[in-house]
Amino acid sequence: MTYLLYVAAALAEIAGCFSFWAWWRLDKSPLWLAPGLVSLVLFAWLLALVDTSAAGRAYAAYGGIYIAASLVWLWLAEGVHPDSWDLAGATMCIIGASVIVLAPRAA
């Protein structure tokens, strides 16, 4: 369930940030900011649902998933194909995030 929350949070964060990017860099209407703000609130709520005893650990592990999701966005939304270096980096990040999330912890 943790990975699903992270993926949903990543999509919400990327969509929210992209709405600002579209307004600022692509000259879209300021109305793009409204759904972006809702999306960023959804992102924060989803990340808070991650079952961990420390917020910093949830955020650190989320970072790896966010990197991989950003490359998917790059490909699907922007039409830029990630290269082998992008994929290698994302793989390392997901492995790191998995170590943080799945490591046995003392109770």
Protein backbone atom coordinates (compact mmCIF):
# COMPACT_ATOMS: atom_id res chain seq x y z
CA MET A 1 0.00 0.00 0.00
CA THR A 2 2.91 2.35 0.72
CA TYR A 3 4.10 2.28 -2.89
CA LEU A 4 0.59 3.06 -4.13
CA LEU A 5 0.41 6.05 -1.81
CA TYR A 6 3.79 7.22 -3.02
CA VAL A 7 2.83 6.89 -6.68
CA ALA A 8 -0.47 8.71 -6.14
CA ALA A 9 1.33 11.44 -4.17
CA ALA A 10 3.92 11.79 -6.92
CA LEU A 11 1.27 12.19 -9.59
CA ALA A 12 -0.53 14.79 -7.49
CA GLU A 13 2.67 16.71 -6.80
CA ILE A 14 3.83 16.66 -10.41
CA ALA A 15 0.42 17.76 -11.67
CA GLY A 16 0.30 20.57 -9.11
CA CYS A 17 3.79 21.77 -9.94
CA PHE A 18 3.13 21.49 -13.66
CA SER A 19 0.09 23.76 -13.33
CA PHE A 20 2.38 26.46 -11.97
CA TRP A 21 4.95 25.72 -14.69
CA ALA A 22 2.22 26.00 -17.35
CA TRP A 23 1.05 29.34 -16.00
CA TRP A 24 4.53 30.77 -15.49
CA ARG A 25 6.53 29.29 -18.37
CA LEU A 26 3.92 28.38 -20.98
CA ASP A 27 1.76 31.51 -20.62
CA LYS A 28 -1.37 29.59 -19.64
CA SER A 29 -4.26 31.24 -17.82
CA PRO A 30 -3.91 31.88 -14.07
CA LEU A 31 -6.92 29.59 -13.76
CA TRP A 32 -4.43 26.71 -14.14
CA LEU A 33 -3.30 27.50 -10.59
CA ALA A 34 -6.61 26.50 -8.94
CA PRO A 35 -6.53 22.78 -9.79
CA GLY A 36 -2.78 22.87 -9.17
CA LEU A 37 -3.30 24.02 -5.60
CA VAL A 38 -5.93 21.33 -5.03
CA SER A 39 -3.51 18.79 -6.43
CA LEU A 40 -0.74 19.93 -4.07
CA VAL A 41 -3.08 19.65 -1.07
CA LEU A 42 -3.95 16.12 -2.23
CA PHE A 43 -0.23 15.36 -2.49
CA ALA A 44 0.40 16.44 1.12
CA TRP A 45 -2.59 14.46 2.39
CA LEU A 46 -1.54 11.29 0.55
CA LEU A 47 2.02 11.53 1.83
CA ALA A 48 0.70 11.93 5.38
CA LEU A 49 -1.14 8.59 5.01
CA VAL A 50 2.14 6.64 4.69
CA ASP A 51 2.47 4.31 7.66
CA THR A 52 5.77 5.30 9.26
CA SER A 53 6.83 6.59 12.65
CA ALA A 54 8.84 9.51 11.24
CA ALA A 55 7.79 12.07 8.66
CA GLY A 56 11.36 12.56 7.46
CA ARG A 57 11.66 8.87 6.63
CA ALA A 58 8.43 8.99 4.63
CA TYR A 59 9.69 12.04 2.74
CA ALA A 60 13.11 10.52 2.08
CA ALA A 61 11.67 7.31 0.66
CA TYR A 62 9.13 9.30 -1.35
CA GLY A 63 11.97 11.12 -3.09
CA GLY A 64 13.01 8.00 -4.99
CA ILE A 65 9.49 7.33 -6.20
CA TYR A 66 9.09 10.98 -7.18
CA ILE A 67 12.22 10.83 -9.35
CA ALA A 68 10.93 7.80 -11.24
CA ALA A 69 7.45 9.34 -11.62
CA SER A 70 9.02 12.54 -12.96
CA LEU A 71 10.73 10.57 -15.71
CA VAL A 72 7.41 8.93 -16.61
CA TRP A 73 5.91 12.45 -16.79
CA LEU A 74 8.84 13.54 -18.97
CA TRP A 75 8.03 10.73 -21.38
CA LEU A 76 4.23 10.74 -21.41
CA ALA A 77 3.40 14.43 -20.92
CA GLU A 78 6.39 16.10 -22.53
CA GLY A 79 7.24 13.56 -25.21
CA VAL A 80 10.91 13.29 -24.18
CA HIS A 81 12.18 9.72 -23.91
CA PRO A 82 14.30 9.10 -20.82
CA ASP A 83 17.75 7.82 -21.77
CA SER A 84 19.66 4.96 -20.19
CA TRP A 85 21.26 7.30 -17.65
CA ASP A 86 17.84 8.53 -16.56
CA LEU A 87 16.63 4.95 -16.16
CA ALA A 88 19.75 3.87 -14.27
CA GLY A 89 19.43 6.80 -11.90
CA ALA A 90 15.74 6.17 -11.30
CA THR A 91 16.43 2.49 -10.63
CA MET A 92 19.03 3.40 -8.01
CA CYS A 93 16.60 5.84 -6.41
CA ILE A 94 13.82 3.25 -6.21
CA ILE A 95 16.24 0.76 -4.67
CA GLY A 96 17.26 3.39 -2.11
CA ALA A 97 13.63 4.25 -1.36
CA SER A 98 12.87 0.54 -0.90
CA VAL A 99 15.72 0.16 1.57
CA ILE A 100 14.31 3.04 3.61
CA VAL A 101 10.72 1.78 3.49
CA LEU A 102 11.29 -1.94 3.88
CA ALA A 103 14.19 -2.02 6.34
CA PRO A 104 13.42 -3.85 9.58
CA ARG A 105 13.18 -1.34 12.40
CA ALA A 106 13.51 -1.87 16.13
CA ALA A 107 10.17 -1.46 17.86
